[in-house]
C-alpha atoms as a PDB file:
ATOM      1  CA  UNK A   1      13.610  -1.978   8.899  1.00  0.00           C
ATOM      2  CA  UNK A   2      16.285  -3.299  11.235  1.00  0.00           C
ATOM      3  CA  UNK A   3      13.690  -5.456  13.021  1.00  0.00           C
ATOM      4  CA  UNK A   4      12.785  -7.387   9.870  1.00  0.00           C
ATOM      5  CA  UNK A   5      14.218 -10.892   9.859  1.00  0.00           C
ATOM      6  CA  UNK A   6      14.305 -11.829   6.192  1.00  0.00           C
ATOM      7  CA  UNK A   7      15.737 -10.163   3.142  1.00  0.00           C
ATOM      8  CA  UNK A   8      12.429 -10.844   1.384  1.00  0.00           C
ATOM      9  CA  UNK A   9      10.575  -8.800   4.020  1.00  0.00           C
ATOM     10  CA  UNK A  10      13.059  -5.958   3.710  1.00  0.00           C
ATOM     11  CA  UNK A  11      12.672  -5.924  -0.071  1.00  0.00           C
ATOM     12  CA  UNK A  12       8.890  -5.940   0.232  1.00  0.00           C
ATOM     13  CA  UNK A  13       8.937  -2.991   2.630  1.00  0.00           C
ATOM     14  CA  UNK A  14      11.318  -1.067   0.358  1.00  0.00           C
ATOM     15  CA  UNK A  15       9.002  -1.721  -2.585  1.00  0.00           C
ATOM     16  CA  UNK A  16       5.967  -0.547  -0.611  1.00  0.00           C
ATOM     17  CA  UNK A  17       7.811   2.566   0.520  1.00  0.00           C
ATOM     18  CA  UNK A  18       8.597   3.456  -3.097  1.00  0.00           C
ATOM     19  CA  UNK A  19       4.982   2.912  -4.103  1.00  0.00           C
ATOM     20  CA  UNK A  20       3.771   5.107  -1.243  1.00  0.00           C
ATOM     21  CA  UNK A  21       6.154   7.834  -2.363  1.00  0.00           C
ATOM     22  CA  UNK A  22       4.609   7.685  -5.840  1.00  0.00           C
ATOM     23  CA  UNK A  23       1.140   7.946  -4.332  1.00  0.00           C
ATOM     24  CA  UNK A  24       2.269  10.930  -2.282  1.00  0.00           C
ATOM     25  CA  UNK A  25       3.476  12.611  -5.458  1.00  0.00           C
ATOM     26  CA  UNK A  26       0.118  11.916  -7.148  1.00  0.00           C
ATOM     27  CA  UNK A  27      -1.690  13.269  -4.099  1.00  0.00           C
ATOM     28  CA  UNK A  28       0.342  16.486  -4.231  1.00  0.00           C
ATOM     29  CA  UNK A  29      -0.644  16.901  -7.895  1.00  0.00           C
ATOM     30  CA  UNK A  30      -4.263  16.294  -6.953  1.00  0.00           C
ATOM     31  CA  UNK A  31      -4.056  18.885  -4.178  1.00  0.00           C
ATOM     32  CA  UNK A  32      -2.602  21.483  -6.561  1.00  0.00           C
ATOM     33  CA  UNK A  33      -5.277  20.760  -9.163  1.00  0.00           C
ATOM     34  CA  UNK A  34      -8.073  21.061  -6.599  1.00  0.00           C
ATOM     35  CA  UNK A  35      -6.693  24.402  -5.424  1.00  0.00           C
ATOM     36  CA  UNK A  36      -6.577  25.639  -9.026  1.00  0.00           C
ATOM     37  CA  UNK A  37     -10.170  24.554  -9.576  1.00  0.00           C
ATOM     38  CA  UNK A  38     -11.312  26.244  -6.371  1.00  0.00           C
ATOM     39  CA  UNK A  39      -9.607  29.436  -7.525  1.00  0.00           C
ATOM     40  CA  UNK A  40     -11.505  29.248 -10.801  1.00  0.00           C
ATOM     41  CA  UNK A  41     -14.773  28.946  -8.887  1.00  0.00           C
ATOM     42  CA  UNK A  42     -13.917  31.834  -6.594  1.00  0.00           C
ATOM     43  CA  UNK A  43     -13.068  34.022  -9.565  1.00  0.00           C
ATOM     44  CA  UNK A  44     -16.445  33.210 -11.130  1.00  0.00           C
ATOM     45  CA  UNK A  45     -15.138  31.079 -13.989  1.00  0.00           C
ATOM     46  CA  UNK A  46     -17.624  28.277 -13.348  1.00  0.00           C
ATOM     47  CA  UNK A  47     -17.593  26.764 -16.854  1.00  0.00           C
ATOM     48  CA  UNK A  48     -13.809  26.275 -16.791  1.00  0.00           C
ATOM     49  CA  UNK A  49     -14.023  25.008 -13.218  1.00  0.00           C
ATOM     50  CA  UNK A  50     -16.493  22.311 -14.234  1.00  0.00           C
ATOM     51  CA  UNK A  51     -14.372  21.274 -17.227  1.00  0.00           C
ATOM     52  CA  UNK A  52     -11.261  20.861 -15.097  1.00  0.00           C
ATOM     53  CA  UNK A  53     -13.120  19.128 -12.286  1.00  0.00           C
ATOM     54  CA  UNK A  54     -13.362  16.017 -14.473  1.00  0.00           C
ATOM     55  CA  UNK A  55      -9.568  15.699 -14.513  1.00  0.00           C
ATOM     56  CA  UNK A  56      -9.632  15.579 -10.705  1.00  0.00           C
ATOM     57  CA  UNK A  57     -11.863  12.524 -10.822  1.00  0.00           C
ATOM     58  CA  UNK A  58      -9.276  10.710 -12.930  1.00  0.00           C
ATOM     59  CA  UNK A  59      -6.489  11.581 -10.506  1.00  0.00           C
ATOM     60  CA  UNK A  60      -8.619  10.420  -7.577  1.00  0.00           C
ATOM     61  CA  UNK A  61      -9.356   7.125  -9.324  1.00  0.00           C
ATOM     62  CA  UNK A  62      -5.658   6.555 -10.036  1.00  0.00           C
ATOM     63  CA  UNK A  63      -4.771   7.151  -6.393  1.00  0.00           C
ATOM     64  CA  UNK A  64      -7.603   4.904  -5.174  1.00  0.00           C
ATOM     65  CA  UNK A  65      -6.602   2.089  -7.529  1.00  0.00           C
ATOM     66  CA  UNK A  66      -2.963   2.326  -6.506  1.00  0.00           C
ATOM     67  CA  UNK A  67      -3.876   2.248  -2.813  1.00  0.00           C
ATOM     68  CA  UNK A  68      -6.065  -0.809  -3.322  1.00  0.00           C
ATOM     69  CA  UNK A  69      -3.226  -2.560  -5.166  1.00  0.00           C
ATOM     70  CA  UNK A  70      -0.823  -1.785  -2.314  1.00  0.00           C
ATOM     71  CA  UNK A  71      -3.333  -3.069   0.224  1.00  0.00           C
ATOM     72  CA  UNK A  72      -3.666  -6.294  -1.763  1.00  0.00           C
ATOM     73  CA  UNK A  73       0.134  -6.690  -1.764  1.00  0.00           C
ATOM     74  CA  UNK A  74       0.309  -6.108   1.985  1.00  0.00           C
ATOM     75  CA  UNK A  75      -2.448  -8.625   2.656  1.00  0.00           C
ATOM     76  CA  UNK A  76      -0.807 -11.271   0.464  1.00  0.00           C
ATOM     77  CA  UNK A  77       2.603 -10.722   2.061  1.00  0.00           C
ATOM     78  CA  UNK A  78       1.086 -10.866   5.548  1.00  0.00           C
ATOM     79  CA  UNK A  79      -0.798 -14.056   4.731  1.00  0.00           C
ATOM     80  CA  UNK A  80       2.341 -15.693   3.342  1.00  0.00           C
ATOM     81  CA  UNK A  81       4.331 -14.616   6.398  1.00  0.00           C
ATOM     82  CA  UNK A  82       1.689 -16.085   8.718  1.00  0.00           C
ATOM     83  CA  UNK A  83       1.699 -19.385   6.807  1.00  0.00           C
ATOM     84  CA  UNK A  84       5.499 -19.517   6.956  1.00  0.00           C
ATOM     85  CA  UNK A  85       5.483 -18.803  10.686  1.00  0.00           C
ATOM     86  CA  UNK A  86       2.907 -21.549  11.229  1.00  0.00           C
ATOM     87  CA  UNK A  87       5.009 -23.994   9.220  1.00  0.00           C
ATOM     88  CA  UNK A  88       8.102 -23.128  11.268  1.00  0.00           C
ATOM     89  CA  UNK A  89       6.143 -23.575  14.471  1.00  0.00           C
ATOM     90  CA  UNK A  90       4.859 -26.972  13.364  1.00  0.00           C
ATOM     91  CA  UNK A  91       8.338 -28.042  12.251  1.00  0.00           C
ATOM     92  CA  UNK A  92       9.778 -27.147  15.653  1.00  0.00           C
ATOM     93  CA  UNK A  93       6.940 -28.877  17.472  1.00  0.00           C
ATOM     94  CA  UNK A  94       7.337 -32.192  15.680  1.00  0.00           C
ATOM     95  CA  UNK A  95      10.786 -33.110  17.067  1.00  0.00           C
ATOM     96  CA  UNK A  96       9.731 -32.206  20.611  1.00  0.00           C
ATOM     97  CA  UNK A  97       6.561 -34.281  20.390  1.00  0.00           C
ATOM     98  CA  UNK A  98       8.524 -37.154  18.859  1.00  0.00           C
ATOM     99  CA  UNK A  99      11.138 -37.014  21.617  1.00  0.00           C
ATOM    100  CA  UNK A 100       8.395 -37.077  24.279  1.00  0.00           C
ATOM    101  CA  UNK A 101       6.908 -40.176  22.672  1.00  0.00           C
ATOM    102  CA  UNK A 102      10.162 -42.112  22.584  1.00  0.00           C
ATOM    103  CA  UNK A 103      11.370 -41.187  26.053  1.00  0.00           C
END
């Protein structure tokens, strides 16, 4: 993060990092649950495997939804940063163009 220029950008990256850590934790839970379900199938306990498989779908949906929300945040932040950069560029260009006109 040392290359980030604004405190707002640093805060946004910290926030995203925390959210990604939460997703990683959810993914680890999902991985454990899938392994448990596979073990049930291997041991021949198909009925219990099918019952527990539904809980995996919920975990997958939670992870997917969280990832989509993070992507939306990244896109919005990137768009706002691009608009700000464009505004700064225009603001710097105006005095130069004005000076060329009057000289």
